[in-house]
PDB file of all heavy atoms in Angstrom:
ATOM      1  N   PHE A   1       1.254 -32.706 -25.679  1.00  0.00           N
ATOM      2  CA  PHE A   1       0.968 -31.364 -26.253  1.00  0.00           C
ATOM      3  C   PHE A   1       0.547 -30.346 -25.255  1.00  0.00           C
ATOM      4  O   PHE A   1       0.973 -29.154 -25.279  1.00  0.00           O
ATOM      5  CB  PHE A   1      -0.194 -31.521 -27.275  1.00  0.00           C
ATOM      6  CG  PHE A   1      -0.643 -30.302 -27.851  1.00  0.00           C
ATOM      7  CD1 PHE A   1      -0.013 -29.531 -28.809  1.00  0.00           C
ATOM      8  CD2 PHE A   1      -1.864 -29.667 -27.391  1.00  0.00           C
ATOM      9  CE1 PHE A   1      -0.358 -28.325 -29.349  1.00  0.00           C
ATOM     10  CE2 PHE A   1      -2.314 -28.419 -27.922  1.00  0.00           C
ATOM     11  CZ  PHE A   1      -1.603 -27.766 -28.913  1.00  0.00           C
ATOM     12  N   HIS A   2      -0.291 -30.778 -24.261  1.00  0.00           N
ATOM     13  CA  HIS A   2      -0.750 -29.892 -23.220  1.00  0.00           C
ATOM     14  C   HIS A   2       0.225 -29.716 -22.076  1.00  0.00           C
ATOM     15  O   HIS A   2       0.320 -28.603 -21.434  1.00  0.00           O
ATOM     16  CB  HIS A   2      -2.047 -30.400 -22.641  1.00  0.00           C
ATOM     17  CG  HIS A   2      -3.174 -30.285 -23.611  1.00  0.00           C
ATOM     18  ND1 HIS A   2      -3.719 -29.088 -23.990  1.00  0.00           N
ATOM     19  CD2 HIS A   2      -3.886 -31.295 -24.240  1.00  0.00           C
ATOM     20  CE1 HIS A   2      -4.717 -29.305 -24.872  1.00  0.00           C
ATOM     21  NE2 HIS A   2      -4.872 -30.625 -25.058  1.00  0.00           N
ATOM     22  N   PHE A   3       1.000 -30.759 -21.800  1.00  0.00           N
ATOM     23  CA  PHE A   3       1.913 -30.689 -20.639  1.00  0.00           C
ATOM     24  C   PHE A   3       3.239 -31.301 -21.068  1.00  0.00           C
ATOM     25  O   PHE A   3       3.317 -32.380 -21.581  1.00  0.00           O
ATOM     26  CB  PHE A   3       1.375 -31.462 -19.469  1.00  0.00           C
ATOM     27  CG  PHE A   3       0.018 -30.859 -18.952  1.00  0.00           C
ATOM     28  CD1 PHE A   3      -1.124 -31.409 -19.328  1.00  0.00           C
ATOM     29  CD2 PHE A   3       0.016 -29.779 -18.060  1.00  0.00           C
ATOM     30  CE1 PHE A   3      -2.319 -30.884 -18.891  1.00  0.00           C
ATOM     31  CE2 PHE A   3      -1.120 -29.308 -17.581  1.00  0.00           C
ATOM     32  CZ  PHE A   3      -2.363 -29.803 -18.013  1.00  0.00           C
ATOM     33  N   LYS A   4       4.328 -30.630 -20.665  1.00  0.00           N
ATOM     34  CA  LYS A   4       5.628 -31.092 -20.998  1.00  0.00           C
ATOM     35  C   LYS A   4       5.998 -32.443 -20.379  1.00  0.00           C
ATOM     36  O   LYS A   4       6.650 -33.269 -21.006  1.00  0.00           O
ATOM     37  CB  LYS A   4       6.677 -30.032 -20.488  1.00  0.00           C
ATOM     38  CG  LYS A   4       8.197 -30.374 -20.776  1.00  0.00           C
ATOM     39  CD  LYS A   4       9.089 -29.317 -20.270  1.00  0.00           C
ATOM     40  CE  LYS A   4      10.527 -29.756 -20.572  1.00  0.00           C
ATOM     41  NZ  LYS A   4      11.477 -28.613 -20.050  1.00  0.00           N
ATOM     42  N   ASN A   5       5.532 -32.635 -19.195  1.00  0.00           N
ATOM     43  CA  ASN A   5       5.771 -33.869 -18.419  1.00  0.00           C
ATOM     44  C   ASN A   5       4.803 -33.921 -17.213  1.00  0.00           C
ATOM     45  O   ASN A   5       4.006 -32.972 -17.052  1.00  0.00           O
ATOM     46  CB  ASN A   5       7.251 -34.020 -18.000  1.00  0.00           C
ATOM     47  CG  ASN A   5       7.675 -32.744 -17.297  1.00  0.00           C
ATOM     48  OD1 ASN A   5       6.911 -32.150 -16.444  1.00  0.00           O
ATOM     49  ND2 ASN A   5       8.892 -32.338 -17.594  1.00  0.00           N
ATOM     50  N   LYS A   6       4.877 -35.005 -16.465  1.00  0.00           N
ATOM     51  CA  LYS A   6       3.924 -35.140 -15.353  1.00  0.00           C
ATOM     52  C   LYS A   6       4.227 -34.134 -14.266  1.00  0.00           C
ATOM     53  O   LYS A   6       3.307 -33.770 -13.530  1.00  0.00           O
ATOM     54  CB  LYS A   6       3.990 -36.571 -14.772  1.00  0.00           C
ATOM     55  CG  LYS A   6       5.341 -36.990 -14.154  1.00  0.00           C
ATOM     56  CD  LYS A   6       5.131 -38.428 -13.551  1.00  0.00           C
ATOM     57  CE  LYS A   6       6.426 -38.812 -12.888  1.00  0.00           C
ATOM     58  NZ  LYS A   6       6.308 -40.198 -12.295  1.00  0.00           N
ATOM     59  N   ALA A   7       5.436 -33.697 -14.172  1.00  0.00           N
ATOM     60  CA  ALA A   7       5.756 -32.654 -13.180  1.00  0.00           C
ATOM     61  C   ALA A   7       4.965 -31.382 -13.484  1.00  0.00           C
ATOM     62  O   ALA A   7       4.559 -30.655 -12.562  1.00  0.00           O
ATOM     63  CB  ALA A   7       7.293 -32.342 -13.248  1.00  0.00           C
ATOM     64  N   ALA A   8       4.820 -31.042 -14.767  1.00  0.00           N
ATOM     65  CA  ALA A   8       4.115 -29.805 -15.140  1.00  0.00           C
ATOM     66  C   ALA A   8       2.620 -30.031 -14.766  1.00  0.00           C
ATOM     67  O   ALA A   8       1.986 -29.006 -14.377  1.00  0.00           O
ATOM     68  CB  ALA A   8       4.263 -29.580 -16.664  1.00  0.00           C
ATOM     69  N   VAL A   9       2.058 -31.176 -14.861  1.00  0.00           N
ATOM     70  CA  VAL A   9       0.656 -31.484 -14.476  1.00  0.00           C
ATOM     71  C   VAL A   9       0.536 -31.252 -13.013  1.00  0.00           C
ATOM     72  O   VAL A   9      -0.329 -30.563 -12.483  1.00  0.00           O
ATOM     73  CB  VAL A   9       0.256 -32.824 -14.864  1.00  0.00           C
ATOM     74  CG1 VAL A   9      -1.234 -33.022 -14.639  1.00  0.00           C
ATOM     75  CG2 VAL A   9       0.534 -33.116 -16.388  1.00  0.00           C
ATOM     76  N   PHE A  10       1.437 -31.822 -12.217  1.00  0.00           N
ATOM     77  CA  PHE A  10       1.454 -31.750 -10.824  1.00  0.00           C
ATOM     78  C   PHE A  10       1.545 -30.358 -10.358  1.00  0.00           C
ATOM     79  O   PHE A  10       0.869 -29.878  -9.415  1.00  0.00           O
ATOM     80  CB  PHE A  10       2.485 -32.668 -10.158  1.00  0.00           C
ATOM     81  CG  PHE A  10       2.283 -33.046  -8.790  1.00  0.00           C
ATOM     82  CD1 PHE A  10       1.518 -34.103  -8.433  1.00  0.00           C
ATOM     83  CD2 PHE A  10       2.853 -32.307  -7.762  1.00  0.00           C
ATOM     84  CE1 PHE A  10       1.356 -34.466  -7.081  1.00  0.00           C
ATOM     85  CE2 PHE A  10       2.669 -32.577  -6.406  1.00  0.00           C
ATOM     86  CZ  PHE A  10       1.903 -33.696  -6.051  1.00  0.00           C
ATOM     87  N   ASP A  11       2.400 -29.645 -10.972  1.00  0.00           N
ATOM     88  CA  ASP A  11       2.627 -28.196 -10.664  1.00  0.00           C
ATOM     89  C   ASP A  11       1.333 -27.369 -10.822  1.00  0.00           C
ATOM     90  O   ASP A  11       1.038 -26.612  -9.901  1.00  0.00           O
ATOM     91  CB  ASP A  11       3.705 -27.628 -11.703  1.00  0.00           C
ATOM     92  CG  ASP A  11       4.050 -26.240 -11.340  1.00  0.00           C
ATOM     93  OD1 ASP A  11       4.873 -26.016 -10.371  1.00  0.00           O
ATOM     94  OD2 ASP A  11       3.486 -25.333 -12.034  1.00  0.00           O
ATOM     95  N   LEU A  12       0.632 -27.597 -11.879  1.00  0.00           N
ATOM     96  CA  LEU A  12      -0.612 -26.850 -12.073  1.00  0.00           C
ATOM     97  C   LEU A  12      -1.656 -27.225 -10.979  1.00  0.00           C
ATOM     98  O   LEU A  12      -2.516 -26.353 -10.592  1.00  0.00           O
ATOM     99  CB  LEU A  12      -1.218 -27.155 -13.486  1.00  0.00           C
ATOM    100  CG  LEU A  12      -2.310 -26.228 -13.973  1.00  0.00           C
ATOM    101  CD1 LEU A  12      -1.800 -24.762 -13.944  1.00  0.00           C
ATOM    102  CD2 LEU A  12      -2.735 -26.647 -15.362  1.00  0.00           C
ATOM    103  N   LEU A  13      -1.628 -28.442 -10.533  1.00  0.00           N
ATOM    104  CA  LEU A  13      -2.559 -28.882  -9.489  1.00  0.00           C
ATOM    105  C   LEU A  13      -2.289 -28.407  -8.108  1.00  0.00           C
ATOM    106  O   LEU A  13      -3.242 -28.181  -7.356  1.00  0.00           O
ATOM    107  CB  LEU A  13      -2.666 -30.441  -9.516  1.00  0.00           C
ATOM    108  CG  LEU A  13      -3.268 -31.136 -10.697  1.00  0.00           C
ATOM    109  CD1 LEU A  13      -3.025 -32.628 -10.650  1.00  0.00           C
ATOM    110  CD2 LEU A  13      -4.777 -30.858 -10.723  1.00  0.00           C
ATOM    111  N   VAL A  14      -1.029 -28.211  -7.769  1.00  0.00           N
ATOM    112  CA  VAL A  14      -0.683 -27.843  -6.358  1.00  0.00           C
ATOM    113  C   VAL A  14       0.051 -26.524  -6.104  1.00  0.00           C
ATOM    114  O   VAL A  14       0.072 -26.120  -4.953  1.00  0.00           O
ATOM    115  CB  VAL A  14       0.134 -29.001  -5.730  1.00  0.00           C
ATOM    116  CG1 VAL A  14      -0.557 -30.401  -5.895  1.00  0.00           C
ATOM    117  CG2 VAL A  14       1.537 -29.042  -6.343  1.00  0.00           C
ATOM    118  N   LYS A  15       0.571 -25.967  -7.126  1.00  0.00           N
ATOM    119  CA  LYS A  15       1.468 -24.802  -6.845  1.00  0.00           C
ATOM    120  C   LYS A  15       0.842 -23.647  -6.056  1.00  0.00           C
ATOM    121  O   LYS A  15       1.490 -23.219  -5.081  1.00  0.00           O
ATOM    122  CB  LYS A  15       2.111 -24.224  -8.157  1.00  0.00           C
ATOM    123  CG  LYS A  15       3.091 -23.128  -7.913  1.00  0.00           C
ATOM    124  CD  LYS A  15       3.628 -22.532  -9.196  1.00  0.00           C
ATOM    125  CE  LYS A  15       4.811 -21.559  -8.835  1.00  0.00           C
ATOM    126  NZ  LYS A  15       4.378 -20.531  -8.028  1.00  0.00           N
ATOM    127  N   ASP A  16      -0.298 -23.229  -6.430  1.00  0.00           N
ATOM    128  CA  ASP A  16      -0.866 -22.060  -5.779  1.00  0.00           C
ATOM    129  C   ASP A  16      -1.199 -22.437  -4.224  1.00  0.00           C
ATOM    130  O   ASP A  16      -1.021 -21.562  -3.450  1.00  0.00           O
ATOM    131  CB  ASP A  16      -2.195 -21.682  -6.471  1.00  0.00           C
ATOM    132  CG  ASP A  16      -1.982 -21.010  -7.756  1.00  0.00           C
ATOM    133  OD1 ASP A  16      -0.809 -20.536  -8.032  1.00  0.00           O
ATOM    134  OD2 ASP A  16      -2.851 -20.896  -8.614  1.00  0.00           O
ATOM    135  N   VAL A  17      -1.750 -23.630  -4.043  1.00  0.00           N
ATOM    136  CA  VAL A  17      -2.008 -24.083  -2.713  1.00  0.00           C
ATOM    137  C   VAL A  17      -0.739 -24.182  -1.861  1.00  0.00           C
ATOM    138  O   VAL A  17      -0.646 -23.808  -0.639  1.00  0.00           O
ATOM    139  CB  VAL A  17      -2.865 -25.395  -2.684  1.00  0.00           C
ATOM    140  CG1 VAL A  17      -3.013 -25.961  -1.304  1.00  0.00           C
ATOM    141  CG2 VAL A  17      -4.217 -25.131  -3.272  1.00  0.00           C
ATOM    142  N   TYR A  18       0.308 -24.792  -2.418  1.00  0.00           N
ATOM    143  CA  TYR A  18       1.608 -24.930  -1.875  1.00  0.00           C
ATOM    144  C   TYR A  18       2.155 -23.523  -1.370  1.00  0.00           C
ATOM    145  O   TYR A  18       2.548 -23.347  -0.258  1.00  0.00           O
ATOM    146  CB  TYR A  18       2.555 -25.531  -2.742  1.00  0.00           C
ATOM    147  CG  TYR A  18       4.055 -25.586  -2.412  1.00  0.00           C
ATOM    148  CD1 TYR A  18       4.589 -26.628  -1.683  1.00  0.00           C
ATOM    149  CD2 TYR A  18       4.856 -24.521  -2.829  1.00  0.00           C
ATOM    150  CE1 TYR A  18       5.933 -26.667  -1.345  1.00  0.00           C
ATOM    151  CE2 TYR A  18       6.220 -24.540  -2.437  1.00  0.00           C
ATOM    152  CZ  TYR A  18       6.729 -25.671  -1.795  1.00  0.00           C
ATOM    153  OH  TYR A  18       8.029 -25.684  -1.486  1.00  0.00           O
ATOM    154  N   ASP A  19       2.118 -22.606  -2.307  1.00  0.00           N
ATOM    155  CA  ASP A  19       2.552 -21.236  -1.981  1.00  0.00           C
ATOM    156  C   ASP A  19       1.737 -20.587  -0.852  1.00  0.00           C
ATOM    157  O   ASP A  19       2.211 -19.934   0.048  1.00  0.00           O
ATOM    158  CB  ASP A  19       2.548 -20.318  -3.200  1.00  0.00           C
ATOM    159  CG  ASP A  19       3.592 -20.739  -4.233  1.00  0.00           C
ATOM    160  OD1 ASP A  19       4.599 -21.417  -3.873  1.00  0.00           O
ATOM    161  OD2 ASP A  19       3.392 -20.317  -5.434  1.00  0.00           O
ATOM    162  N   ALA A  20       0.401 -20.745  -0.967  1.00  0.00           N
ATOM    163  CA  ALA A  20      -0.501 -20.199   0.023  1.00  0.00           C
ATOM    164  C   ALA A  20      -0.342 -20.770   1.387  1.00  0.00           C
ATOM    165  O   ALA A  20      -0.391 -20.059   2.436  1.00  0.00           O
ATOM    166  CB  ALA A  20      -1.954 -20.268  -0.410  1.00  0.00           C
ATOM    167  N   LEU A  21      -0.132 -22.083   1.529  1.00  0.00           N
ATOM    168  CA  LEU A  21       0.094 -22.803   2.759  1.00  0.00           C
ATOM    169  C   LEU A  21       1.292 -22.137   3.545  1.00  0.00           C
ATOM    170  O   LEU A  21       1.272 -21.803   4.647  1.00  0.00           O
ATOM    171  CB  LEU A  21       0.281 -24.258   2.583  1.00  0.00           C
ATOM    172  CG  LEU A  21      -0.913 -25.210   2.635  1.00  0.00           C
ATOM    173  CD1 LEU A  21      -0.529 -26.566   2.245  1.00  0.00           C
ATOM    174  CD2 LEU A  21      -1.555 -25.121   4.053  1.00  0.00           C
ATOM    175  N   LEU A  22       2.418 -22.050   2.763  1.00  0.00           N
ATOM    176  CA  LEU A  22       3.623 -21.525   3.315  1.00  0.00           C
ATOM    177  C   LEU A  22       3.451 -20.019   3.745  1.00  0.00           C
ATOM    178  O   LEU A  22       3.878 -19.596   4.789  1.00  0.00           O
ATOM    179  CB  LEU A  22       4.839 -21.697   2.388  1.00  0.00           C
ATOM    180  CG  LEU A  22       5.137 -23.121   2.069  1.00  0.00           C
ATOM    181  CD1 LEU A  22       6.354 -23.136   1.020  1.00  0.00           C
ATOM    182  CD2 LEU A  22       5.592 -23.916   3.327  1.00  0.00           C
ATOM    183  N   HIS A  23       2.809 -19.238   2.894  1.00  0.00           N
ATOM    184  CA  HIS A  23       2.622 -17.857   3.154  1.00  0.00           C
ATOM    185  C   HIS A  23       1.737 -17.709   4.333  1.00  0.00           C
ATOM    186  O   HIS A  23       2.053 -16.798   5.264  1.00  0.00           O
ATOM    187  CB  HIS A  23       1.971 -17.141   1.963  1.00  0.00           C
ATOM    188  CG  HIS A  23       1.605 -15.791   2.181  1.00  0.00           C
ATOM    189  ND1 HIS A  23       2.527 -14.761   2.221  1.00  0.00           N
ATOM    190  CD2 HIS A  23       0.358 -15.237   2.396  1.00  0.00           C
ATOM    191  CE1 HIS A  23       1.864 -13.534   2.460  1.00  0.00           C
ATOM    192  NE2 HIS A  23       0.560 -13.827   2.547  1.00  0.00           N
ATOM    193  N   ASN A  24       0.639 -18.390   4.432  1.00  0.00           N
ATOM    194  CA  ASN A  24      -0.249 -18.242   5.573  1.00  0.00           C
ATOM    195  C   ASN A  24       0.346 -18.620   6.896  1.00  0.00           C
ATOM    196  O   ASN A  24       0.117 -17.958   7.899  1.00  0.00           O
ATOM    197  CB  ASN A  24      -1.544 -19.080   5.248  1.00  0.00           C
ATOM    198  CG  ASN A  24      -2.389 -18.609   4.134  1.00  0.00           C
ATOM    199  OD1 ASN A  24      -2.141 -17.505   3.615  1.00  0.00           O
ATOM    200  ND2 ASN A  24      -3.301 -19.438   3.719  1.00  0.00           N
ATOM    201  N   HIS A  25       1.091 -19.697   6.829  1.00  0.00           N
ATOM    202  CA  HIS A  25       1.867 -20.118   8.079  1.00  0.00           C
ATOM    203  C   HIS A  25       2.807 -19.081   8.581  1.00  0.00           C
ATOM    204  O   HIS A  25       2.825 -18.749   9.731  1.00  0.00           O
ATOM    205  CB  HIS A  25       2.504 -21.449   7.761  1.00  0.00           C
ATOM    206  CG  HIS A  25       2.950 -22.275   8.942  1.00  0.00           C
ATOM    207  ND1 HIS A  25       2.071 -22.750   9.835  1.00  0.00           N
ATOM    208  CD2 HIS A  25       4.161 -22.519   9.450  1.00  0.00           C
ATOM    209  CE1 HIS A  25       2.687 -23.425  10.772  1.00  0.00           C
ATOM    210  NE2 HIS A  25       4.017 -23.270  10.631  1.00  0.00           N
ATOM    211  N   ARG A  26       3.595 -18.563   7.626  1.00  0.00           N
ATOM    212  CA  ARG A  26       4.559 -17.505   7.985  1.00  0.00           C
ATOM    213  C   ARG A  26       3.899 -16.246   8.512  1.00  0.00           C
ATOM    214  O   ARG A  26       4.275 -15.652   9.485  1.00  0.00           O
ATOM    215  CB  ARG A  26       5.454 -17.238   6.773  1.00  0.00           C
ATOM    216  CG  ARG A  26       6.665 -16.325   7.003  1.00  0.00           C
ATOM    217  CD  ARG A  26       7.569 -16.330   5.869  1.00  0.00           C
ATOM    218  NE  ARG A  26       8.123 -17.628   5.536  1.00  0.00           N
ATOM    219  CZ  ARG A  26       7.877 -18.212   4.335  1.00  0.00           C
ATOM    220  NH1 ARG A  26       7.141 -17.673   3.427  1.00  0.00           N
ATOM    221  NH2 ARG A  26       8.354 -19.444   4.128  1.00  0.00           N
ATOM    222  N   THR A  27       2.798 -15.879   7.793  1.00  0.00           N
ATOM    223  CA  THR A  27       2.172 -14.642   8.177  1.00  0.00           C
ATOM    224  C   THR A  27       1.470 -14.823   9.551  1.00  0.00           C
ATOM    225  O   THR A  27       1.439 -13.780  10.347  1.00  0.00           O
ATOM    226  CB  THR A  27       0.993 -14.306   7.125  1.00  0.00           C
ATOM    227  OG1 THR A  27       1.684 -14.111   5.862  1.00  0.00           O
ATOM    228  CG2 THR A  27       0.249 -13.102   7.496  1.00  0.00           C
ATOM    229  N   MET A  28       0.983 -15.903   9.863  1.00  0.00           N
ATOM    230  CA  MET A  28       0.362 -16.227  11.141  1.00  0.00           C
ATOM    231  C   MET A  28       1.414 -15.849  12.319  1.00  0.00           C
ATOM    232  O   MET A  28       1.022 -15.228  13.280  1.00  0.00           O
ATOM    233  CB  MET A  28      -0.060 -17.704  11.288  1.00  0.00           C
ATOM    234  CG  MET A  28      -0.585 -18.046  12.628  1.00  0.00           C
ATOM    235  SD  MET A  28      -0.991 -19.818  12.759  1.00  0.00           S
ATOM    236  CE  MET A  28       0.683 -20.523  12.737  1.00  0.00           C
ATOM    237  N   TYR A  29       2.655 -16.326  12.138  1.00  0.00           N
ATOM    238  CA  TYR A  29       3.684 -16.021  13.154  1.00  0.00           C
ATOM    239  C   TYR A  29       4.055 -14.547  13.184  1.00  0.00           C
ATOM    240  O   TYR A  29       4.193 -13.994  14.247  1.00  0.00           O
ATOM    241  CB  TYR A  29       4.869 -16.875  12.905  1.00  0.00           C
ATOM    242  CG  TYR A  29       4.683 -18.370  13.224  1.00  0.00           C
ATOM    243  CD1 TYR A  29       4.887 -19.333  12.290  1.00  0.00           C
ATOM    244  CD2 TYR A  29       4.265 -18.773  14.518  1.00  0.00           C
ATOM    245  CE1 TYR A  29       4.799 -20.643  12.581  1.00  0.00           C
ATOM    246  CE2 TYR A  29       4.088 -20.060  14.750  1.00  0.00           C
ATOM    247  CZ  TYR A  29       4.324 -21.014  13.833  1.00  0.00           C
ATOM    248  OH  TYR A  29       4.121 -22.343  14.157  1.00  0.00           O
ATOM    249  N   GLU A  30       4.113 -13.989  12.036  1.00  0.00           N
ATOM    250  CA  GLU A  30       4.442 -12.518  11.950  1.00  0.00           C
ATOM    251  C   GLU A  30       3.419 -11.722  12.666  1.00  0.00           C
ATOM    252  O   GLU A  30       3.769 -10.722  13.421  1.00  0.00           O
ATOM    253  CB  GLU A  30       4.581 -12.105  10.470  1.00  0.00           C
ATOM    254  CG  GLU A  30       5.796 -12.590   9.801  1.00  0.00           C
ATOM    255  CD  GLU A  30       5.925 -12.403   8.298  1.00  0.00           C
ATOM    256  OE1 GLU A  30       4.874 -11.792   7.808  1.00  0.00           O
ATOM    257  OE2 GLU A  30       6.863 -12.723   7.688  1.00  0.00           O
TER     258      GLU A  30
END
């Protein structure tokens, strides 16, 4: 009811940090 599947749970746990890691790394070089 709360989550379509386990991928949706994992997504909520890591997505923001995943995006921030990549953004921060790229911004550091820029």
